[in-house]
N, C-alpha and C. Protein backbone atom coordinates (compact mmCIF):
# COMPACT_ATOMS: atom_id res chain seq x y z
N MET A 1 -18.38 -13.24 0.31
CA MET A 1 -17.13 -12.82 -0.31
C MET A 1 -16.69 -11.49 0.30
N THR A 2 -15.41 -11.38 0.50
CA THR A 2 -14.82 -10.18 1.07
C THR A 2 -13.91 -9.52 0.05
N LYS A 3 -14.05 -8.20 -0.10
CA LYS A 3 -13.18 -7.45 -1.02
C LYS A 3 -11.86 -7.15 -0.35
N LYS A 4 -10.79 -7.37 -1.10
CA LYS A 4 -9.43 -7.11 -0.60
C LYS A 4 -8.65 -6.36 -1.67
N ILE A 5 -7.59 -5.71 -1.21
CA ILE A 5 -6.68 -5.00 -2.12
C ILE A 5 -5.27 -5.42 -1.76
N ALA A 6 -4.54 -5.94 -2.75
CA ALA A 6 -3.13 -6.27 -2.57
C ALA A 6 -2.32 -5.14 -3.18
N ILE A 7 -1.36 -4.65 -2.40
CA ILE A 7 -0.53 -3.53 -2.83
C ILE A 7 0.90 -4.03 -2.88
N LEU A 8 1.44 -4.11 -4.09
CA LEU A 8 2.79 -4.63 -4.30
C LEU A 8 3.79 -3.49 -4.30
N ARG A 9 4.96 -3.77 -3.78
CA ARG A 9 5.99 -2.73 -3.71
C ARG A 9 7.08 -2.96 -4.75
N GLY A 10 7.36 -1.92 -5.53
CA GLY A 10 8.55 -1.88 -6.36
C GLY A 10 8.54 -2.73 -7.61
N ILE A 11 7.38 -2.92 -8.23
CA ILE A 11 7.38 -3.63 -9.51
C ILE A 11 7.23 -2.62 -10.64
N ASN A 12 7.75 -3.00 -11.80
CA ASN A 12 7.62 -2.19 -13.02
C ASN A 12 8.14 -0.76 -12.84
N VAL A 13 9.17 -0.60 -12.04
CA VAL A 13 9.79 0.71 -11.83
C VAL A 13 11.13 0.72 -12.56
N GLY A 14 11.27 1.61 -13.51
CA GLY A 14 12.53 1.73 -14.24
C GLY A 14 12.91 0.47 -15.00
N GLY A 15 11.90 -0.29 -15.44
CA GLY A 15 12.16 -1.50 -16.22
C GLY A 15 12.64 -2.68 -15.39
N LYS A 16 12.62 -2.54 -14.07
CA LYS A 16 13.07 -3.62 -13.19
C LYS A 16 11.90 -4.32 -12.56
N ARG A 17 12.13 -5.58 -12.21
CA ARG A 17 11.10 -6.42 -11.56
C ARG A 17 9.76 -6.28 -12.30
N LYS A 18 9.82 -6.58 -13.58
CA LYS A 18 8.68 -6.41 -14.47
C LYS A 18 7.68 -7.57 -14.32
N ILE A 19 6.44 -7.20 -14.11
CA ILE A 19 5.33 -8.16 -14.04
C ILE A 19 4.18 -7.58 -14.84
N LEU A 20 3.73 -8.30 -15.84
CA LEU A 20 2.56 -7.87 -16.60
C LEU A 20 1.32 -8.03 -15.74
N MET A 21 0.42 -7.07 -15.83
CA MET A 21 -0.79 -7.12 -15.02
C MET A 21 -1.66 -8.33 -15.35
N ALA A 22 -1.67 -8.75 -16.61
CA ALA A 22 -2.43 -9.96 -16.98
C ALA A 22 -1.86 -11.18 -16.26
N ASP A 23 -0.53 -11.25 -16.17
CA ASP A 23 0.12 -12.36 -15.46
C ASP A 23 -0.17 -12.28 -13.96
N LEU A 24 -0.17 -11.08 -13.41
CA LEU A 24 -0.46 -10.91 -11.99
C LEU A 24 -1.88 -11.35 -11.68
N ARG A 25 -2.81 -11.02 -12.56
CA ARG A 25 -4.20 -11.46 -12.36
C ARG A 25 -4.29 -12.98 -12.37
N LEU A 26 -3.57 -13.64 -13.30
CA LEU A 26 -3.57 -15.11 -13.35
C LEU A 26 -2.99 -15.72 -12.08
N ILE A 27 -1.92 -15.15 -11.58
CA ILE A 27 -1.32 -15.64 -10.33
C ILE A 27 -2.34 -15.55 -9.20
N CYS A 28 -3.03 -14.43 -9.13
CA CYS A 28 -4.04 -14.23 -8.08
C CYS A 28 -5.19 -15.23 -8.21
N GLU A 29 -5.62 -15.47 -9.44
CA GLU A 29 -6.71 -16.42 -9.66
C GLU A 29 -6.29 -17.84 -9.25
N LYS A 30 -5.03 -18.20 -9.53
CA LYS A 30 -4.52 -19.51 -9.11
C LYS A 30 -4.47 -19.65 -7.59
N LEU A 31 -4.35 -18.54 -6.90
CA LEU A 31 -4.35 -18.56 -5.43
C LEU A 31 -5.77 -18.62 -4.85
N GLY A 32 -6.77 -18.62 -5.74
CA GLY A 32 -8.15 -18.72 -5.28
C GLY A 32 -8.87 -17.40 -5.13
N PHE A 33 -8.24 -16.31 -5.57
CA PHE A 33 -8.89 -15.01 -5.53
C PHE A 33 -9.86 -14.92 -6.71
N SER A 34 -10.99 -14.26 -6.54
CA SER A 34 -11.95 -14.13 -7.64
C SER A 34 -12.22 -12.67 -7.95
N ASN A 35 -12.84 -12.46 -9.13
CA ASN A 35 -13.14 -11.10 -9.62
C ASN A 35 -11.91 -10.20 -9.51
N VAL A 36 -10.79 -10.70 -9.98
CA VAL A 36 -9.50 -10.01 -9.87
C VAL A 36 -9.40 -8.88 -10.89
N LYS A 37 -9.07 -7.68 -10.40
CA LYS A 37 -8.83 -6.52 -11.26
C LYS A 37 -7.51 -5.91 -10.84
N THR A 38 -6.82 -5.31 -11.79
CA THR A 38 -5.61 -4.58 -11.46
C THR A 38 -5.83 -3.12 -11.81
N TYR A 39 -5.07 -2.27 -11.14
CA TYR A 39 -5.13 -0.84 -11.42
C TYR A 39 -3.71 -0.33 -11.59
N ILE A 40 -3.43 0.25 -12.70
CA ILE A 40 -2.14 0.75 -13.17
C ILE A 40 -1.03 -0.29 -12.97
N GLN A 41 0.11 -0.03 -13.55
CA GLN A 41 1.19 -1.01 -13.63
C GLN A 41 2.01 -1.15 -12.35
N SER A 42 1.73 -0.34 -11.34
CA SER A 42 2.57 -0.37 -10.14
C SER A 42 2.19 -1.45 -9.14
N GLY A 43 1.21 -2.28 -9.48
CA GLY A 43 0.90 -3.41 -8.63
C GLY A 43 -0.16 -3.15 -7.59
N ASN A 44 -1.36 -2.90 -8.06
CA ASN A 44 -2.53 -2.75 -7.20
C ASN A 44 -3.55 -3.77 -7.69
N VAL A 45 -3.96 -4.67 -6.82
CA VAL A 45 -4.87 -5.74 -7.22
C VAL A 45 -6.09 -5.72 -6.31
N ILE A 46 -7.26 -5.64 -6.92
CA ILE A 46 -8.52 -5.69 -6.19
C ILE A 46 -9.13 -7.06 -6.47
N PHE A 47 -9.58 -7.74 -5.41
CA PHE A 47 -10.12 -9.08 -5.59
C PHE A 47 -11.09 -9.42 -4.48
N GLU A 48 -11.73 -10.56 -4.62
CA GLU A 48 -12.63 -11.07 -3.59
C GLU A 48 -12.14 -12.42 -3.13
N VAL A 49 -12.38 -12.72 -1.86
CA VAL A 49 -12.03 -14.03 -1.31
C VAL A 49 -13.18 -14.53 -0.46
N ALA A 50 -13.34 -15.84 -0.50
CA ALA A 50 -14.34 -16.49 0.34
C ALA A 50 -13.67 -17.11 1.57
N LYS A 51 -12.41 -17.49 1.40
CA LYS A 51 -11.72 -18.17 2.50
C LYS A 51 -11.37 -17.21 3.62
N LYS A 52 -11.10 -17.77 4.76
CA LYS A 52 -10.85 -16.98 5.96
C LYS A 52 -9.37 -16.74 6.24
N ALA A 53 -8.53 -16.82 5.24
CA ALA A 53 -7.10 -16.58 5.44
C ALA A 53 -6.89 -15.14 5.91
N THR A 54 -5.87 -14.95 6.72
CA THR A 54 -5.55 -13.60 7.18
C THR A 54 -4.93 -12.80 6.04
N ASP A 55 -4.93 -11.49 6.20
CA ASP A 55 -4.31 -10.62 5.21
C ASP A 55 -2.82 -10.93 5.09
N ILE A 56 -2.18 -11.19 6.22
CA ILE A 56 -0.74 -11.52 6.21
C ILE A 56 -0.50 -12.80 5.43
N LYS A 57 -1.35 -13.81 5.64
CA LYS A 57 -1.19 -15.10 4.93
C LYS A 57 -1.41 -14.91 3.43
N MET A 58 -2.43 -14.13 3.04
CA MET A 58 -2.66 -13.89 1.62
C MET A 58 -1.48 -13.16 1.00
N ALA A 59 -0.93 -12.19 1.71
CA ALA A 59 0.25 -11.46 1.22
C ALA A 59 1.43 -12.41 1.05
N GLU A 60 1.65 -13.27 2.03
CA GLU A 60 2.76 -14.23 1.96
C GLU A 60 2.57 -15.20 0.79
N ASP A 61 1.34 -15.66 0.57
CA ASP A 61 1.06 -16.57 -0.54
C ASP A 61 1.35 -15.90 -1.88
N LEU A 62 0.96 -14.64 -2.01
CA LEU A 62 1.20 -13.91 -3.25
C LEU A 62 2.69 -13.63 -3.44
N GLU A 63 3.39 -13.28 -2.37
CA GLU A 63 4.84 -13.08 -2.44
C GLU A 63 5.54 -14.35 -2.91
N LYS A 64 5.14 -15.49 -2.36
CA LYS A 64 5.76 -16.77 -2.73
C LYS A 64 5.46 -17.12 -4.18
N ALA A 65 4.22 -16.91 -4.62
CA ALA A 65 3.85 -17.22 -6.01
C ALA A 65 4.65 -16.36 -6.99
N ILE A 66 4.86 -15.10 -6.66
CA ILE A 66 5.66 -14.22 -7.52
C ILE A 66 7.12 -14.66 -7.52
N LEU A 67 7.64 -14.99 -6.36
CA LEU A 67 9.03 -15.47 -6.26
C LEU A 67 9.21 -16.74 -7.08
N ASP A 68 8.26 -17.67 -6.98
CA ASP A 68 8.34 -18.92 -7.74
C ASP A 68 8.31 -18.68 -9.24
N LYS A 69 7.47 -17.75 -9.69
CA LYS A 69 7.33 -17.52 -11.13
C LYS A 69 8.45 -16.65 -11.70
N TYR A 70 8.86 -15.61 -10.97
CA TYR A 70 9.79 -14.62 -11.52
C TYR A 70 11.20 -14.68 -10.94
N GLY A 71 11.36 -15.31 -9.80
CA GLY A 71 12.68 -15.42 -9.20
C GLY A 71 13.13 -14.17 -8.46
N PHE A 72 12.24 -13.26 -8.17
CA PHE A 72 12.60 -12.10 -7.34
C PHE A 72 11.50 -11.86 -6.32
N GLU A 73 11.91 -11.23 -5.21
CA GLU A 73 10.98 -10.96 -4.12
C GLU A 73 10.25 -9.65 -4.34
N VAL A 74 8.97 -9.68 -4.05
CA VAL A 74 8.13 -8.49 -4.12
C VAL A 74 7.32 -8.42 -2.82
N PRO A 75 7.59 -7.42 -2.00
CA PRO A 75 6.77 -7.27 -0.79
C PRO A 75 5.32 -6.94 -1.15
N VAL A 76 4.39 -7.56 -0.43
CA VAL A 76 2.96 -7.38 -0.68
C VAL A 76 2.27 -7.06 0.65
N ILE A 77 1.38 -6.11 0.60
CA ILE A 77 0.52 -5.78 1.74
C ILE A 77 -0.91 -5.95 1.28
N VAL A 78 -1.72 -6.67 2.06
CA VAL A 78 -3.13 -6.86 1.73
C VAL A 78 -3.97 -6.11 2.75
N LYS A 79 -4.93 -5.37 2.24
CA LYS A 79 -5.86 -4.60 3.07
C LYS A 79 -7.28 -4.93 2.63
N SER A 80 -8.23 -4.79 3.54
CA SER A 80 -9.63 -4.96 3.17
C SER A 80 -10.14 -3.64 2.58
N ALA A 81 -11.22 -3.74 1.83
CA ALA A 81 -11.84 -2.53 1.28
C ALA A 81 -12.27 -1.61 2.43
N ALA A 82 -12.71 -2.20 3.53
CA ALA A 82 -13.12 -1.40 4.68
C ALA A 82 -11.93 -0.64 5.28
N GLU A 83 -10.75 -1.24 5.29
CA GLU A 83 -9.56 -0.56 5.80
C GLU A 83 -9.18 0.62 4.90
N ILE A 84 -9.33 0.45 3.60
CA ILE A 84 -9.03 1.55 2.67
C ILE A 84 -10.03 2.69 2.91
N ALA A 85 -11.30 2.34 3.04
CA ALA A 85 -12.32 3.36 3.30
C ALA A 85 -12.03 4.10 4.61
N GLN A 86 -11.63 3.37 5.64
CA GLN A 86 -11.31 3.98 6.92
C GLN A 86 -10.10 4.91 6.80
N ALA A 87 -9.10 4.48 6.03
CA ALA A 87 -7.91 5.31 5.83
C ALA A 87 -8.27 6.63 5.15
N VAL A 88 -9.15 6.58 4.16
CA VAL A 88 -9.58 7.80 3.48
C VAL A 88 -10.28 8.72 4.47
N GLN A 89 -11.09 8.15 5.31
CA GLN A 89 -11.82 8.93 6.31
C GLN A 89 -10.87 9.50 7.37
N ASP A 90 -9.82 8.76 7.72
CA ASP A 90 -8.92 9.16 8.81
C ASP A 90 -7.83 10.15 8.41
N ASN A 91 -7.61 10.35 7.12
CA ASN A 91 -6.48 11.20 6.70
C ASN A 91 -6.66 12.63 7.21
N PRO A 92 -5.76 13.08 8.08
CA PRO A 92 -5.90 14.43 8.64
C PRO A 92 -5.60 15.55 7.64
N PHE A 93 -4.99 15.20 6.51
CA PHE A 93 -4.62 16.20 5.51
C PHE A 93 -5.63 16.30 4.36
N TYR A 94 -6.62 15.41 4.37
CA TYR A 94 -7.55 15.32 3.23
C TYR A 94 -8.92 15.86 3.59
N GLN A 95 -9.46 16.63 2.66
CA GLN A 95 -10.83 17.10 2.77
C GLN A 95 -11.51 16.76 1.44
N GLN A 96 -12.73 16.29 1.51
CA GLN A 96 -13.45 15.84 0.32
C GLN A 96 -13.46 16.88 -0.79
N ASP A 97 -13.54 18.16 -0.44
CA ASP A 97 -13.63 19.20 -1.46
C ASP A 97 -12.26 19.75 -1.85
N LEU A 98 -11.22 19.12 -1.37
CA LEU A 98 -9.86 19.57 -1.68
C LEU A 98 -9.58 19.38 -3.16
N GLU A 99 -9.20 20.45 -3.83
CA GLU A 99 -8.92 20.37 -5.27
C GLU A 99 -7.55 19.79 -5.54
N GLU A 100 -6.58 20.14 -4.73
CA GLU A 100 -5.20 19.71 -4.96
C GLU A 100 -4.83 18.56 -4.02
N ILE A 101 -4.77 17.36 -4.59
CA ILE A 101 -4.43 16.20 -3.77
C ILE A 101 -3.00 15.70 -4.04
N LYS A 102 -2.29 16.35 -4.95
CA LYS A 102 -0.92 15.92 -5.27
C LYS A 102 0.00 15.83 -4.07
N PRO A 103 -0.12 16.69 -3.06
CA PRO A 103 0.78 16.59 -1.92
C PRO A 103 0.50 15.40 -1.00
N LEU A 104 -0.63 14.72 -1.21
CA LEU A 104 -1.05 13.68 -0.27
C LEU A 104 -0.61 12.29 -0.72
N HIS A 105 -0.11 11.51 0.25
CA HIS A 105 0.33 10.14 0.02
C HIS A 105 -0.05 9.30 1.23
N LEU A 106 -0.15 8.00 1.01
CA LEU A 106 -0.46 7.09 2.11
C LEU A 106 0.54 5.94 2.07
N THR A 107 1.25 5.77 3.17
CA THR A 107 2.14 4.64 3.32
C THR A 107 1.40 3.58 4.11
N PHE A 108 1.24 2.42 3.49
CA PHE A 108 0.59 1.28 4.12
C PHE A 108 1.64 0.48 4.88
N LEU A 109 1.34 0.13 6.12
CA LEU A 109 2.23 -0.69 6.92
C LEU A 109 1.68 -2.11 6.98
N LYS A 110 2.57 -3.08 6.88
CA LYS A 110 2.13 -4.48 6.91
C LYS A 110 1.62 -4.87 8.29
N GLU A 111 2.23 -4.30 9.32
CA GLU A 111 1.84 -4.60 10.70
C GLU A 111 1.85 -3.30 11.50
N SER A 112 1.24 -3.35 12.65
CA SER A 112 1.31 -2.20 13.54
C SER A 112 2.71 -2.10 14.14
N PRO A 113 3.28 -0.91 14.16
CA PRO A 113 4.61 -0.76 14.75
C PRO A 113 4.55 -0.84 16.28
N SER A 114 5.67 -1.15 16.89
CA SER A 114 5.71 -1.17 18.35
C SER A 114 5.54 0.25 18.87
N ALA A 115 5.07 0.37 20.10
CA ALA A 115 4.87 1.68 20.71
C ALA A 115 6.19 2.44 20.80
N GLU A 116 7.27 1.73 21.09
CA GLU A 116 8.59 2.36 21.20
C GLU A 116 9.04 2.93 19.85
N ASN A 117 8.94 2.13 18.77
CA ASN A 117 9.34 2.60 17.45
C ASN A 117 8.44 3.73 16.95
N LEU A 118 7.18 3.64 17.27
CA LEU A 118 6.23 4.68 16.89
C LEU A 118 6.60 6.00 17.58
N ALA A 119 6.86 5.95 18.87
CA ALA A 119 7.20 7.17 19.62
C ALA A 119 8.49 7.80 19.09
N LYS A 120 9.49 6.98 18.79
CA LYS A 120 10.75 7.52 18.25
C LYS A 120 10.53 8.17 16.89
N THR A 121 9.78 7.52 16.03
CA THR A 121 9.56 8.01 14.67
C THR A 121 8.80 9.33 14.68
N GLU A 122 7.84 9.46 15.58
CA GLU A 122 7.03 10.67 15.63
C GLU A 122 7.82 11.90 16.07
N THR A 123 9.05 11.71 16.54
CA THR A 123 9.88 12.86 16.94
C THR A 123 10.57 13.52 15.75
N TYR A 124 10.60 12.86 14.60
CA TYR A 124 11.26 13.42 13.42
C TYR A 124 10.42 14.52 12.81
N ASP A 125 11.10 15.57 12.37
CA ASP A 125 10.44 16.71 11.75
C ASP A 125 11.18 17.07 10.47
N TYR A 126 10.50 16.89 9.35
CA TYR A 126 11.08 17.23 8.04
C TYR A 126 10.25 18.30 7.37
N ALA A 127 9.86 19.31 8.15
CA ALA A 127 9.05 20.41 7.62
C ALA A 127 9.71 20.99 6.38
N PRO A 128 8.91 21.35 5.39
CA PRO A 128 7.47 21.50 5.44
C PRO A 128 6.68 20.20 5.22
N ASP A 129 7.36 19.10 4.93
CA ASP A 129 6.65 17.82 4.80
C ASP A 129 6.19 17.37 6.18
N LYS A 130 5.02 16.73 6.22
CA LYS A 130 4.42 16.31 7.48
C LYS A 130 3.91 14.88 7.36
N PHE A 131 3.83 14.21 8.50
CA PHE A 131 3.23 12.88 8.51
C PHE A 131 2.51 12.64 9.83
N VAL A 132 1.50 11.79 9.76
CA VAL A 132 0.75 11.34 10.92
C VAL A 132 0.60 9.84 10.79
N ILE A 133 0.94 9.12 11.86
CA ILE A 133 0.81 7.66 11.87
C ILE A 133 -0.42 7.29 12.68
N LYS A 134 -1.28 6.49 12.06
CA LYS A 134 -2.47 5.99 12.75
C LYS A 134 -2.66 4.54 12.36
N ASP A 135 -2.66 3.68 13.35
CA ASP A 135 -2.80 2.24 13.14
C ASP A 135 -1.71 1.75 12.17
N LYS A 136 -2.13 1.21 11.02
CA LYS A 136 -1.17 0.69 10.04
C LYS A 136 -1.11 1.60 8.81
N CYS A 137 -1.30 2.90 9.04
CA CYS A 137 -1.24 3.89 7.97
C CYS A 137 -0.36 5.06 8.37
N VAL A 138 0.40 5.55 7.39
CA VAL A 138 1.15 6.79 7.58
C VAL A 138 0.62 7.77 6.54
N PHE A 139 -0.02 8.82 7.02
CA PHE A 139 -0.56 9.85 6.15
C PHE A 139 0.53 10.89 5.94
N ILE A 140 0.80 11.20 4.68
CA ILE A 140 1.92 12.08 4.35
C ILE A 140 1.41 13.28 3.54
N TYR A 141 1.95 14.44 3.91
CA TYR A 141 1.74 15.66 3.14
C TYR A 141 3.12 16.12 2.71
N CYS A 142 3.36 16.13 1.39
CA CYS A 142 4.65 16.57 0.85
C CYS A 142 4.49 17.91 0.17
N GLU A 143 5.17 18.89 0.69
CA GLU A 143 5.12 20.24 0.11
C GLU A 143 5.65 20.22 -1.32
N GLY A 144 6.72 19.48 -1.56
CA GLY A 144 7.31 19.36 -2.89
C GLY A 144 6.93 18.02 -3.51
N LYS A 145 7.85 17.45 -4.25
CA LYS A 145 7.62 16.16 -4.90
C LYS A 145 7.96 15.03 -3.93
N TYR A 146 7.15 13.98 -3.98
CA TYR A 146 7.34 12.86 -3.05
C TYR A 146 8.74 12.26 -3.16
N HIS A 147 9.23 12.09 -4.37
CA HIS A 147 10.54 11.45 -4.54
C HIS A 147 11.69 12.30 -3.99
N GLN A 148 11.42 13.55 -3.67
CA GLN A 148 12.44 14.42 -3.07
C GLN A 148 12.30 14.50 -1.55
N SER A 149 11.25 13.90 -1.02
CA SER A 149 10.99 13.95 0.42
C SER A 149 11.85 12.93 1.16
N LYS A 150 12.08 13.18 2.42
CA LYS A 150 12.76 12.22 3.28
C LYS A 150 11.77 11.19 3.84
N LEU A 151 10.48 11.43 3.64
CA LEU A 151 9.43 10.56 4.17
C LEU A 151 9.13 9.42 3.20
N THR A 152 10.10 8.57 3.00
CA THR A 152 10.02 7.48 2.03
C THR A 152 9.65 6.15 2.70
N ASN A 153 9.39 5.16 1.86
CA ASN A 153 9.19 3.80 2.38
C ASN A 153 10.36 3.38 3.26
N ASN A 154 11.57 3.60 2.76
CA ASN A 154 12.76 3.18 3.49
C ASN A 154 12.85 3.85 4.86
N PHE A 155 12.52 5.14 4.91
CA PHE A 155 12.53 5.86 6.18
C PHE A 155 11.60 5.18 7.18
N PHE A 156 10.35 4.95 6.77
CA PHE A 156 9.37 4.37 7.70
C PHE A 156 9.69 2.91 8.03
N GLU A 157 10.16 2.16 7.06
CA GLU A 157 10.54 0.77 7.35
C GLU A 157 11.68 0.72 8.36
N LYS A 158 12.66 1.57 8.16
CA LYS A 158 13.83 1.57 9.05
C LYS A 158 13.45 2.03 10.46
N LYS A 159 12.67 3.08 10.56
CA LYS A 159 12.31 3.64 11.86
C LYS A 159 11.24 2.82 12.59
N LEU A 160 10.23 2.35 11.85
CA LEU A 160 9.14 1.61 12.48
C LEU A 160 9.40 0.11 12.55
N LYS A 161 10.36 -0.36 11.74
CA LYS A 161 10.73 -1.77 11.68
C LYS A 161 9.56 -2.67 11.24
N VAL A 162 8.82 -2.18 10.23
CA VAL A 162 7.76 -2.95 9.59
C VAL A 162 7.82 -2.69 8.09
N ALA A 163 7.34 -3.64 7.29
CA ALA A 163 7.28 -3.48 5.83
C ALA A 163 6.27 -2.39 5.48
N ALA A 164 6.57 -1.65 4.40
CA ALA A 164 5.70 -0.53 4.01
C ALA A 164 5.72 -0.36 2.50
N THR A 165 4.66 0.22 1.97
CA THR A 165 4.62 0.67 0.58
C THR A 165 3.69 1.86 0.49
N THR A 166 3.99 2.77 -0.43
CA THR A 166 3.29 4.05 -0.50
C THR A 166 2.56 4.21 -1.82
N ARG A 167 1.40 4.86 -1.75
CA ARG A 167 0.64 5.23 -2.94
C ARG A 167 0.27 6.69 -2.84
N ASN A 168 0.17 7.36 -4.00
CA ASN A 168 -0.31 8.73 -3.97
C ASN A 168 -1.82 8.72 -3.70
N TRP A 169 -2.34 9.87 -3.32
CA TRP A 169 -3.73 9.92 -2.89
C TRP A 169 -4.71 9.63 -4.01
N LYS A 170 -4.37 10.00 -5.22
CA LYS A 170 -5.23 9.69 -6.38
C LYS A 170 -5.41 8.17 -6.49
N THR A 171 -4.33 7.43 -6.33
CA THR A 171 -4.40 5.97 -6.40
C THR A 171 -5.22 5.41 -5.24
N VAL A 172 -5.04 5.94 -4.05
CA VAL A 172 -5.80 5.48 -2.89
C VAL A 172 -7.29 5.66 -3.14
N LEU A 173 -7.67 6.82 -3.64
CA LEU A 173 -9.09 7.08 -3.91
C LEU A 173 -9.62 6.15 -5.00
N LYS A 174 -8.81 5.86 -6.01
CA LYS A 174 -9.23 4.96 -7.08
C LYS A 174 -9.38 3.53 -6.56
N LEU A 175 -8.47 3.10 -5.69
CA LEU A 175 -8.58 1.76 -5.09
C LEU A 175 -9.86 1.65 -4.28
N LEU A 176 -10.20 2.70 -3.56
CA LEU A 176 -11.44 2.70 -2.81
C LEU A 176 -12.63 2.58 -3.76
N GLU A 177 -12.63 3.36 -4.80
CA GLU A 177 -13.72 3.32 -5.79
C GLU A 177 -13.86 1.93 -6.42
N LEU A 178 -12.73 1.34 -6.81
CA LEU A 178 -12.75 0.03 -7.47
C LEU A 178 -13.14 -1.11 -6.52
N SER A 179 -12.98 -0.87 -5.22
CA SER A 179 -13.28 -1.93 -4.26
C SER A 179 -14.72 -1.92 -3.78
N LYS A 180 -15.50 -0.97 -4.29
CA LYS A 180 -16.93 -0.89 -3.88
C LYS A 180 -17.77 -1.83 -4.69
């Protein structure tokens, strides 16, 4: 069995695109995922799979199941527990003994961006906010509040031309803990 984490974008925000976590767990179980757990209402699902489906295929299956049940689209990104652990290790802004993690965020990318889009995006400077792109992760340091930053999902999706969703660092660390 392999541990995976599905990260849903834009559910249960402002009373829109509402999905109960109990219902989300049932949808996942119907897709053949086992030991399904959810973390907070924003759509984080930890599960195990025995089948060899790709992360992209599992994400597409979950997107379709949600669309069939609720009638709205929800982008999903699936990562392995090992990828989450690697992301925690790779974050250039994070130190294990760091007391203040509020400025830290991680944008998960569904696919690797093209070299051309990556090079263009890396030229943007929104200081004091900073970002570093590595593989399918965008590590973000926001001096102020994330919702006031220009370094949003939409920014990275538009510039990198790949689907993205962001979690604060507290959530990333909790997903890692729950996936062990």
